[in-house]
Amino acid sequence: MIIQIALSIGLLLYSISTFLYLYRILKGPTTSDKVVALDSIGMNLVAIVALLSMFYDTNAFLDVILLIALLAFIGTVSFAKFIENGKVIDRERDN
């Protein structure tokens, strides 16, 4: 009973912070702020799915957690590379 209430409160707080990060993405003054907010949303989604997995007492969501974390990491790396070079994939090869 108490764990259900704690998980519900955690889900509510993570959901609120996700919407606040969404506001930062829409109104962020710099591109770096937007990238950090997008990465934070990915980590919040991992936490939300983990809390849901605990709430429903199942291991079925663990693959989803791994997938979201990998996609968030790849997205952050590609945004950082885009900010650095202006393109994500370099077609030039060193000889």
PDB file of N, CA and C in Angstrom:
ATOM      1  N   MET A   1       0.831  -1.202   0.000  1.00  0.00           N
ATOM      2  CA  MET A   1       0.000   0.000   0.000  1.00  0.00           C
ATOM      3  C   MET A   1       0.868   1.256   0.000  1.00  0.00           C
ATOM      4  N   ILE A   2       1.826   1.328   0.930  1.00  0.00           N
ATOM      5  CA  ILE A   2       2.682   2.520   1.006  1.00  0.00           C
ATOM      6  C   ILE A   2       3.570   2.612  -0.221  1.00  0.00           C
ATOM      7  N   ILE A   3       4.057   1.470  -0.703  1.00  0.00           N
ATOM      8  CA  ILE A   3       4.918   1.495  -1.887  1.00  0.00           C
ATOM      9  C   ILE A   3       4.124   1.953  -3.110  1.00  0.00           C
ATOM     10  N   GLN A   4       2.857   1.597  -3.204  1.00  0.00           N
ATOM     11  CA  GLN A   4       2.013   2.057  -4.309  1.00  0.00           C
ATOM     12  C   GLN A   4       1.858   3.573  -4.292  1.00  0.00           C
ATOM     13  N   ILE A   5       1.681   4.131  -3.096  1.00  0.00           N
ATOM     14  CA  ILE A   5       1.541   5.582  -2.964  1.00  0.00           C
ATOM     15  C   ILE A   5       2.847   6.273  -3.327  1.00  0.00           C
ATOM     16  N   ALA A   6       3.977   5.732  -2.862  1.00  0.00           N
ATOM     17  CA  ALA A   6       5.275   6.325  -3.175  1.00  0.00           C
ATOM     18  C   ALA A   6       5.558   6.262  -4.675  1.00  0.00           C
ATOM     19  N   LEU A   7       5.231   5.141  -5.306  1.00  0.00           N
ATOM     20  CA  LEU A   7       5.424   5.027  -6.747  1.00  0.00           C
ATOM     21  C   LEU A   7       4.522   5.993  -7.511  1.00  0.00           C
ATOM     22  N   SER A   8       3.305   6.178  -7.051  1.00  0.00           N
ATOM     23  CA  SER A   8       2.394   7.124  -7.697  1.00  0.00           C
ATOM     24  C   SER A   8       2.907   8.549  -7.578  1.00  0.00           C
ATOM     25  N   ILE A   9       3.420   8.901  -6.414  1.00  0.00           N
ATOM     26  CA  ILE A   9       3.989  10.244  -6.226  1.00  0.00           C
ATOM     27  C   ILE A   9       5.220  10.423  -7.112  1.00  0.00           C
ATOM     28  N   GLY A  10       6.061   9.408  -7.193  1.00  0.00           N
ATOM     29  CA  GLY A  10       7.232   9.481  -8.066  1.00  0.00           C
ATOM     30  C   GLY A  10       6.854   9.648  -9.524  1.00  0.00           C
ATOM     31  N   LEU A  11       5.840   8.898  -9.969  1.00  0.00           N
ATOM     32  CA  LEU A  11       5.369   9.037 -11.341  1.00  0.00           C
ATOM     33  C   LEU A  11       4.843  10.448 -11.611  1.00  0.00           C
ATOM     34  N   LEU A  12       4.115  10.994 -10.663  1.00  0.00           N
ATOM     35  CA  LEU A  12       3.581  12.345 -10.817  1.00  0.00           C
ATOM     36  C   LEU A  12       4.710  13.365 -10.914  1.00  0.00           C
ATOM     37  N   LEU A  13       5.707  13.260 -10.041  1.00  0.00           N
ATOM     38  CA  LEU A  13       6.799  14.223 -10.047  1.00  0.00           C
ATOM     39  C   LEU A  13       7.650  14.118 -11.309  1.00  0.00           C
ATOM     40  N   TYR A  14       7.925  12.899 -11.762  1.00  0.00           N
ATOM     41  CA  TYR A  14       8.679  12.743 -13.005  1.00  0.00           C
ATOM     42  C   TYR A  14       7.884  13.252 -14.204  1.00  0.00           C
ATOM     43  N   SER A  15       6.577  13.078 -14.192  1.00  0.00           N
ATOM     44  CA  SER A  15       5.748  13.585 -15.284  1.00  0.00           C
ATOM     45  C   SER A  15       5.758  15.107 -15.316  1.00  0.00           C
ATOM     46  N   ILE A  16       5.668  15.729 -14.149  1.00  0.00           N
ATOM     47  CA  ILE A  16       5.711  17.190 -14.075  1.00  0.00           C
ATOM     48  C   ILE A  16       7.057  17.703 -14.572  1.00  0.00           C
ATOM     49  N   SER A  17       8.145  17.059 -14.150  1.00  0.00           N
ATOM     50  CA  SER A  17       9.461  17.534 -14.586  1.00  0.00           C
ATOM     51  C   SER A  17       9.649  17.319 -16.087  1.00  0.00           C
ATOM     52  N   THR A  18       9.047  16.276 -16.648  1.00  0.00           N
ATOM     53  CA  THR A  18       9.127  16.065 -18.094  1.00  0.00           C
ATOM     54  C   THR A  18       8.437  17.197 -18.841  1.00  0.00           C
ATOM     55  N   PHE A  19       7.291  17.637 -18.350  1.00  0.00           N
ATOM     56  CA  PHE A  19       6.605  18.758 -18.997  1.00  0.00           C
ATOM     57  C   PHE A  19       7.383  20.062 -18.836  1.00  0.00           C
ATOM     58  N   LEU A  20       8.067  20.229 -17.716  1.00  0.00           N
ATOM     59  CA  LEU A  20       8.909  21.416 -17.547  1.00  0.00           C
ATOM     60  C   LEU A  20      10.093  21.391 -18.512  1.00  0.00           C
ATOM     61  N   TYR A  21      10.665  20.205 -18.736  1.00  0.00           N
ATOM     62  CA  TYR A  21      11.733  20.090 -19.730  1.00  0.00           C
ATOM     63  C   TYR A  21      11.201  20.356 -21.135  1.00  0.00           C
ATOM     64  N   LEU A  22       9.972  19.953 -21.405  1.00  0.00           N
ATOM     65  CA  LEU A  22       9.370  20.233 -22.702  1.00  0.00           C
ATOM     66  C   LEU A  22       9.237  21.743 -22.914  1.00  0.00           C
ATOM     67  N   TYR A  23       8.886  22.463 -21.864  1.00  0.00           N
ATOM     68  CA  TYR A  23       8.839  23.924 -21.940  1.00  0.00           C
ATOM     69  C   TYR A  23      10.231  24.480 -22.248  1.00  0.00           C
ATOM     70  N   ARG A  24      11.269  23.899 -21.632  1.00  0.00           N
ATOM     71  CA  ARG A  24      12.639  24.364 -21.879  1.00  0.00           C
ATOM     72  C   ARG A  24      13.045  24.101 -23.323  1.00  0.00           C
ATOM     73  N   ILE A  25      12.577  23.007 -23.902  1.00  0.00           N
ATOM     74  CA  ILE A  25      12.878  22.732 -25.310  1.00  0.00           C
ATOM     75  C   ILE A  25      12.220  23.769 -26.212  1.00  0.00           C
ATOM     76  N   LEU A  26      10.992  24.127 -25.903  1.00  0.00           N
ATOM     77  CA  LEU A  26      10.277  25.075 -26.749  1.00  0.00           C
ATOM     78  C   LEU A  26      10.776  26.507 -26.574  1.00  0.00           C
ATOM     79  N   LYS A  27      11.156  26.904 -25.376  1.00  0.00           N
ATOM     80  CA  LYS A  27      11.532  28.287 -25.098  1.00  0.00           C
ATOM     81  C   LYS A  27      13.007  28.474 -24.774  1.00  0.00           C
ATOM     82  N   GLY A  28      13.810  27.414 -24.870  1.00  0.00           N
ATOM     83  CA  GLY A  28      15.215  27.502 -24.491  1.00  0.00           C
ATOM     84  C   GLY A  28      15.957  28.566 -25.285  1.00  0.00           C
ATOM     85  N   PRO A  29      16.760  29.362 -24.621  1.00  0.00           N
ATOM     86  CA  PRO A  29      17.451  30.432 -25.350  1.00  0.00           C
ATOM     87  C   PRO A  29      18.564  29.922 -26.267  1.00  0.00           C
ATOM     88  N   THR A  30      19.220  28.845 -25.911  1.00  0.00           N
ATOM     89  CA  THR A  30      20.309  28.347 -26.751  1.00  0.00           C
ATOM     90  C   THR A  30      20.041  26.901 -27.155  1.00  0.00           C
ATOM     91  N   THR A  31      20.780  26.465 -28.161  1.00  0.00           N
ATOM     92  CA  THR A  31      20.643  25.094 -28.619  1.00  0.00           C
ATOM     93  C   THR A  31      21.145  24.119 -27.565  1.00  0.00           C
ATOM     94  N   SER A  32      22.165  24.502 -26.823  1.00  0.00           N
ATOM     95  CA  SER A  32      22.688  23.624 -25.767  1.00  0.00           C
ATOM     96  C   SER A  32      21.639  23.357 -24.699  1.00  0.00           C
ATOM     97  N   ASP A  33      20.878  24.376 -24.330  1.00  0.00           N
ATOM     98  CA  ASP A  33      19.798  24.185 -23.362  1.00  0.00           C
ATOM     99  C   ASP A  33      18.770  23.191 -23.875  1.00  0.00           C
ATOM    100  N   LYS A  34      18.470  23.294 -25.152  1.00  0.00           N
ATOM    101  CA  LYS A  34      17.488  22.389 -25.739  1.00  0.00           C
ATOM    102  C   LYS A  34      17.992  20.949 -25.772  1.00  0.00           C
ATOM    103  N   VAL A  35      19.281  20.767 -26.063  1.00  0.00           N
ATOM    104  CA  VAL A  35      19.853  19.417 -26.108  1.00  0.00           C
ATOM    105  C   VAL A  35      19.876  18.801 -24.720  1.00  0.00           C
ATOM    106  N   VAL A  36      20.247  19.583 -23.721  1.00  0.00           N
ATOM    107  CA  VAL A  36      20.270  19.076 -22.346  1.00  0.00           C
ATOM    108  C   VAL A  36      18.856  18.725 -21.887  1.00  0.00           C
ATOM    109  N   ALA A  37      17.880  19.550 -22.238  1.00  0.00           N
ATOM    110  CA  ALA A  37      16.497  19.254 -21.867  1.00  0.00           C
ATOM    111  C   ALA A  37      15.997  18.000 -22.569  1.00  0.00           C
ATOM    112  N   LEU A  38      16.382  17.806 -23.831  1.00  0.00           N
ATOM    113  CA  LEU A  38      15.966  16.611 -24.547  1.00  0.00           C
ATOM    114  C   LEU A  38      16.579  15.354 -23.941  1.00  0.00           C
ATOM    115  N   ASP A  39      17.839  15.429 -23.555  1.00  0.00           N
ATOM    116  CA  ASP A  39      18.483  14.296 -22.898  1.00  0.00           C
ATOM    117  C   ASP A  39      17.836  14.014 -21.539  1.00  0.00           C
ATOM    118  N   SER A  40      17.482  15.064 -20.833  1.00  0.00           N
ATOM    119  CA  SER A  40      16.830  14.892 -19.531  1.00  0.00           C
ATOM    120  C   SER A  40      15.443  14.268 -19.683  1.00  0.00           C
ATOM    121  N   ILE A  41      14.749  14.607 -20.756  1.00  0.00           N
ATOM    122  CA  ILE A  41      13.461  13.967 -21.010  1.00  0.00           C
ATOM    123  C   ILE A  41      13.651  12.476 -21.239  1.00  0.00           C
ATOM    124  N   GLY A  42      14.708  12.112 -21.958  1.00  0.00           N
ATOM    125  CA  GLY A  42      14.990  10.690 -22.167  1.00  0.00           C
ATOM    126  C   GLY A  42      15.241   9.970 -20.857  1.00  0.00           C
ATOM    127  N   MET A  43      16.005  10.582 -19.983  1.00  0.00           N
ATOM    128  CA  MET A  43      16.276   9.951 -18.684  1.00  0.00           C
ATOM    129  C   MET A  43      15.021   9.911 -17.813  1.00  0.00           C
ATOM    130  N   ASN A  44      14.188  10.939 -17.909  1.00  0.00           N
ATOM    131  CA  ASN A  44      12.917  10.914 -17.181  1.00  0.00           C
ATOM    132  C   ASN A  44      12.015   9.792 -17.696  1.00  0.00           C
ATOM    133  N   LEU A  45      12.008   9.569 -19.002  1.00  0.00           N
ATOM    134  CA  LEU A  45      11.203   8.474 -19.545  1.00  0.00           C
ATOM    135  C   LEU A  45      11.701   7.124 -19.053  1.00  0.00           C
ATOM    136  N   VAL A  46      13.024   6.984 -18.927  1.00  0.00           N
ATOM    137  CA  VAL A  46      13.578   5.748 -18.367  1.00  0.00           C
ATOM    138  C   VAL A  46      13.079   5.560 -16.938  1.00  0.00           C
ATOM    139  N   ALA A  47      13.114   6.633 -16.151  1.00  0.00           N
ATOM    140  CA  ALA A  47      12.660   6.546 -14.759  1.00  0.00           C
ATOM    141  C   ALA A  47      11.166   6.255 -14.670  1.00  0.00           C
ATOM    142  N   ILE A  48      10.383   6.873 -15.542  1.00  0.00           N
ATOM    143  CA  ILE A  48       8.935   6.653 -15.524  1.00  0.00           C
ATOM    144  C   ILE A  48       8.612   5.200 -15.865  1.00  0.00           C
ATOM    145  N   VAL A  49       9.270   4.665 -16.890  1.00  0.00           N
ATOM    146  CA  VAL A  49       9.007   3.273 -17.262  1.00  0.00           C
ATOM    147  C   VAL A  49       9.480   2.327 -16.160  1.00  0.00           C
ATOM    148  N   ALA A  50      10.598   2.656 -15.506  1.00  0.00           N
ATOM    149  CA  ALA A  50      11.066   1.823 -14.391  1.00  0.00           C
ATOM    150  C   ALA A  50      10.068   1.846 -13.233  1.00  0.00           C
ATOM    151  N   LEU A  51       9.532   3.018 -12.929  1.00  0.00           N
ATOM    152  CA  LEU A  51       8.523   3.099 -11.868  1.00  0.00           C
ATOM    153  C   LEU A  51       7.248   2.352 -12.248  1.00  0.00           C
ATOM    154  N   LEU A  52       6.869   2.431 -13.517  1.00  0.00           N
ATOM    155  CA  LEU A  52       5.701   1.667 -13.960  1.00  0.00           C
ATOM    156  C   LEU A  52       5.952   0.168 -13.861  1.00  0.00           C
ATOM    157  N   SER A  53       7.178  -0.240 -14.169  1.00  0.00           N
ATOM    158  CA  SER A  53       7.523  -1.652 -14.040  1.00  0.00           C
ATOM    159  C   SER A  53       7.415  -2.114 -12.593  1.00  0.00           C
ATOM    160  N   MET A  54       7.837  -1.274 -11.668  1.00  0.00           N
ATOM    161  CA  MET A  54       7.714  -1.604 -10.251  1.00  0.00           C
ATOM    162  C   MET A  54       6.255  -1.570  -9.811  1.00  0.00           C
ATOM    163  N   PHE A  55       5.502  -0.603 -10.323  1.00  0.00           N
ATOM    164  CA  PHE A  55       4.096  -0.453  -9.945  1.00  0.00           C
ATOM    165  C   PHE A  55       3.286  -1.675 -10.359  1.00  0.00           C
ATOM    166  N   TYR A  56       3.536  -2.170 -11.582  1.00  0.00           N
ATOM    167  CA  TYR A  56       2.798  -3.329 -12.077  1.00  0.00           C
ATOM    168  C   TYR A  56       3.462  -4.647 -11.727  1.00  0.00           C
ATOM    169  N   ASP A  57       4.610  -4.598 -11.063  1.00  0.00           N
ATOM    170  CA  ASP A  57       5.338  -5.781 -10.593  1.00  0.00           C
ATOM    171  C   ASP A  57       5.613  -6.760 -11.737  1.00  0.00           C
ATOM    172  N   THR A  58       6.256  -6.228 -12.789  1.00  0.00           N
ATOM    173  CA  THR A  58       6.574  -7.031 -13.960  1.00  0.00           C
ATOM    174  C   THR A  58       7.964  -6.678 -14.480  1.00  0.00           C
ATOM    175  N   ASN A  59       8.566  -7.606 -15.186  1.00  0.00           N
ATOM    176  CA  ASN A  59       9.856  -7.370 -15.814  1.00  0.00           C
ATOM    177  C   ASN A  59       9.714  -7.085 -17.307  1.00  0.00           C
ATOM    178  N   ALA A  60       8.504  -6.974 -17.782  1.00  0.00           N
ATOM    179  CA  ALA A  60       8.253  -6.820 -19.220  1.00  0.00           C
ATOM    180  C   ALA A  60       8.768  -5.492 -19.763  1.00  0.00           C
ATOM    181  N   PHE A  61       8.883  -4.482 -18.924  1.00  0.00           N
ATOM    182  CA  PHE A  61       9.280  -3.152 -19.396  1.00  0.00           C
ATOM    183  C   PHE A  61      10.789  -2.947 -19.403  1.00  0.00           C
ATOM    184  N   LEU A  62      11.570  -3.917 -18.961  1.00  0.00           N
ATOM    185  CA  LEU A  62      13.009  -3.717 -18.854  1.00  0.00           C
ATOM    186  C   LEU A  62      13.664  -3.559 -20.222  1.00  0.00           C
ATOM    187  N   ASP A  63      13.170  -4.237 -21.228  1.00  0.00           N
ATOM    188  CA  ASP A  63      13.687  -4.047 -22.580  1.00  0.00           C
ATOM    189  C   ASP A  63      13.372  -2.643 -23.096  1.00  0.00           C
ATOM    190  N   VAL A  64      12.210  -2.135 -22.755  1.00  0.00           N
ATOM    191  CA  VAL A  64      11.827  -0.788 -23.161  1.00  0.00           C
ATOM    192  C   VAL A  64      12.746   0.247 -22.511  1.00  0.00           C
ATOM    193  N   ILE A  65      13.114   0.026 -21.259  1.00  0.00           N
ATOM    194  CA  ILE A  65      14.021   0.936 -20.563  1.00  0.00           C
ATOM    195  C   ILE A  65      15.364   0.990 -21.288  1.00  0.00           C
ATOM    196  N   LEU A  66      15.880  -0.163 -21.653  1.00  0.00           N
ATOM    197  CA  LEU A  66      17.157  -0.218 -22.363  1.00  0.00           C
ATOM    198  C   LEU A  66      17.065   0.478 -23.713  1.00  0.00           C
ATOM    199  N   LEU A  67      15.992   0.270 -24.430  1.00  0.00           N
ATOM    200  CA  LEU A  67      15.811   0.894 -25.735  1.00  0.00           C
ATOM    201  C   LEU A  67      15.729   2.413 -25.629  1.00  0.00           C
ATOM    202  N   ILE A  68      14.972   2.919 -24.678  1.00  0.00           N
ATOM    203  CA  ILE A  68      14.853   4.370 -24.496  1.00  0.00           C
ATOM    204  C   ILE A  68      16.204   4.980 -24.122  1.00  0.00           C
ATOM    205  N   ALA A  69      16.945   4.314 -23.246  1.00  0.00           N
ATOM    206  CA  ALA A  69      18.252   4.835 -22.837  1.00  0.00           C
ATOM    207  C   ALA A  69      19.218   4.875 -24.019  1.00  0.00           C
ATOM    208  N   LEU A  70      19.224   3.832 -24.852  1.00  0.00           N
ATOM    209  CA  LEU A  70      20.098   3.816 -26.023  1.00  0.00           C
ATOM    210  C   LEU A  70      19.721   4.897 -27.029  1.00  0.00           C
ATOM    211  N   LEU A  71      18.440   5.070 -27.279  1.00  0.00           N
ATOM    212  CA  LEU A  71      18.010   6.103 -28.212  1.00  0.00           C
ATOM    213  C   LEU A  71      18.322   7.503 -27.690  1.00  0.00           C
ATOM    214  N   ALA A  72      18.165   7.715 -26.400  1.00  0.00           N
ATOM    215  CA  ALA A  72      18.494   9.021 -25.817  1.00  0.00           C
ATOM    216  C   ALA A  72      19.989   9.305 -25.940  1.00  0.00           C
ATOM    217  N   PHE A  73      20.815   8.296 -25.716  1.00  0.00           N
ATOM    218  CA  PHE A  73      22.263   8.474 -25.837  1.00  0.00           C
ATOM    219  C   PHE A  73      22.656   8.777 -27.277  1.00  0.00           C
ATOM    220  N   ILE A  74      22.125   8.019 -28.221  1.00  0.00           N
ATOM    221  CA  ILE A  74      22.452   8.251 -29.634  1.00  0.00           C
ATOM    222  C   ILE A  74      21.980   9.636 -30.072  1.00  0.00           C
ATOM    223  N   GLY A  75      20.817  10.042 -29.622  1.00  0.00           N
ATOM    224  CA  GLY A  75      20.318  11.374 -29.954  1.00  0.00           C
ATOM    225  C   GLY A  75      21.193  12.473 -29.391  1.00  0.00           C
ATOM    226  N   THR A  76      21.659  12.320 -28.161  1.00  0.00           N
ATOM    227  CA  THR A  76      22.510  13.324 -27.552  1.00  0.00           C
ATOM    228  C   THR A  76      23.854  13.417 -28.269  1.00  0.00           C
ATOM    229  N   VAL A  77      24.431  12.277 -28.608  1.00  0.00           N
ATOM    230  CA  VAL A  77      25.714  12.280 -29.314  1.00  0.00           C
ATOM    231  C   VAL A  77      25.567  12.916 -30.690  1.00  0.00           C
ATOM    232  N   SER A  78      24.505  12.597 -31.401  1.00  0.00           N
ATOM    233  CA  SER A  78      24.341  13.175 -32.733  1.00  0.00           C
ATOM    234  C   SER A  78      24.042  14.669 -32.672  1.00  0.00           C
ATOM    235  N   PHE A  79      23.292  15.130 -31.671  1.00  0.00           N
ATOM    236  CA  PHE A  79      23.084  16.573 -31.513  1.00  0.00           C
ATOM    237  C   PHE A  79      24.392  17.283 -31.190  1.00  0.00           C
ATOM    238  N   ALA A  80      25.201  16.682 -30.324  1.00  0.00           N
ATOM    239  CA  ALA A  80      26.484  17.292 -29.980  1.00  0.00           C
ATOM    240  C   ALA A  80      27.390  17.367 -31.202  1.00  0.00           C
ATOM    241  N   LYS A  81      27.384  16.322 -32.011  1.00  0.00           N
ATOM    242  CA  LYS A  81      28.199  16.326 -33.228  1.00  0.00           C
ATOM    243  C   LYS A  81      27.674  17.357 -34.214  1.00  0.00           C
ATOM    244  N   PHE A  82      26.363  17.527 -34.297  1.00  0.00           N
ATOM    245  CA  PHE A  82      25.789  18.527 -35.183  1.00  0.00           C
ATOM    246  C   PHE A  82      26.154  19.938 -34.734  1.00  0.00           C
ATOM    247  N   ILE A  83      26.122  20.168 -33.436  1.00  0.00           N
ATOM    248  CA  ILE A  83      26.488  21.489 -32.923  1.00  0.00           C
ATOM    249  C   ILE A  83      27.959  21.772 -33.201  1.00  0.00           C
ATOM    250  N   GLU A  84      28.797  20.748 -33.095  1.00  0.00           N
ATOM    251  CA  GLU A  84      30.236  20.928 -33.292  1.00  0.00           C
ATOM    252  C   GLU A  84      30.589  21.175 -34.759  1.00  0.00           C
ATOM    253  N   ASN A  85      30.089  20.358 -35.677  1.00  0.00           N
ATOM    254  CA  ASN A  85      30.501  20.415 -37.084  1.00  0.00           C
ATOM    255  C   ASN A  85      29.469  21.049 -38.007  1.00  0.00           C
ATOM    256  N   GLY A  86      28.219  20.984 -37.645  1.00  0.00           N
ATOM    257  CA  GLY A  86      27.175  21.422 -38.549  1.00  0.00           C
ATOM    258  C   GLY A  86      26.596  20.280 -39.363  1.00  0.00           C
ATOM    259  N   LYS A  87      27.154  19.085 -39.209  1.00  0.00           N
ATOM    260  CA  LYS A  87      26.609  17.886 -39.842  1.00  0.00           C
ATOM    261  C   LYS A  87      26.868  16.701 -38.933  1.00  0.00           C
ATOM    262  N   VAL A  88      26.056  15.671 -39.090  1.00  0.00           N
ATOM    263  CA  VAL A  88      26.127  14.520 -38.193  1.00  0.00           C
ATOM    264  C   VAL A  88      27.078  13.461 -38.733  1.00  0.00           C
ATOM    265  N   ILE A  89      26.986  13.169 -40.023  1.00  0.00           N
ATOM    266  CA  ILE A  89      27.798  12.110 -40.623  1.00  0.00           C
ATOM    267  C   ILE A  89      28.800  12.744 -41.582  1.00  0.00           C
ATOM    268  N   ASP A  90      30.075  12.496 -41.356  1.00  0.00           N
ATOM    269  CA  ASP A  90      31.116  12.973 -42.253  1.00  0.00           C
ATOM    270  C   ASP A  90      31.356  11.924 -43.321  1.00  0.00           C
ATOM    271  N   ARG A  91      31.338  12.339 -44.572  1.00  0.00           N
ATOM    272  CA  ARG A  91      31.550  11.409 -45.678  1.00  0.00           C
ATOM    273  C   ARG A  91      33.016  11.348 -46.112  1.00  0.00           C
ATOM    274  N   GLU A  92      33.845  12.247 -45.609  1.00  0.00           N
ATOM    275  CA  GLU A  92      35.249  12.264 -45.992  1.00  0.00           C
ATOM    276  C   GLU A  92      36.017  11.179 -45.258  1.00  0.00           C
ATOM    277  N   ARG A  93      36.987  10.584 -45.960  1.00  0.00           N
ATOM    278  CA  ARG A  93      37.809   9.552 -45.355  1.00  0.00           C
ATOM    279  C   ARG A  93      39.252  10.022 -45.339  1.00  0.00           C
ATOM    280  N   ASP A  94      39.963   9.675 -44.272  1.00  0.00           N
ATOM    281  CA  ASP A  94      41.371  10.018 -44.186  1.00  0.00           C
ATOM    282  C   ASP A  94      42.178   9.030 -45.007  1.00  0.00           C
ATOM    283  N   ASN A  95      43.100   9.535 -45.786  1.00  0.00           N
ATOM    284  CA  ASN A  95      43.957   8.653 -46.592  1.00  0.00           C
ATOM    285  C   ASN A  95      45.317   8.515 -45.977  1.00  0.00           C
TER     286      ASN A  95
END
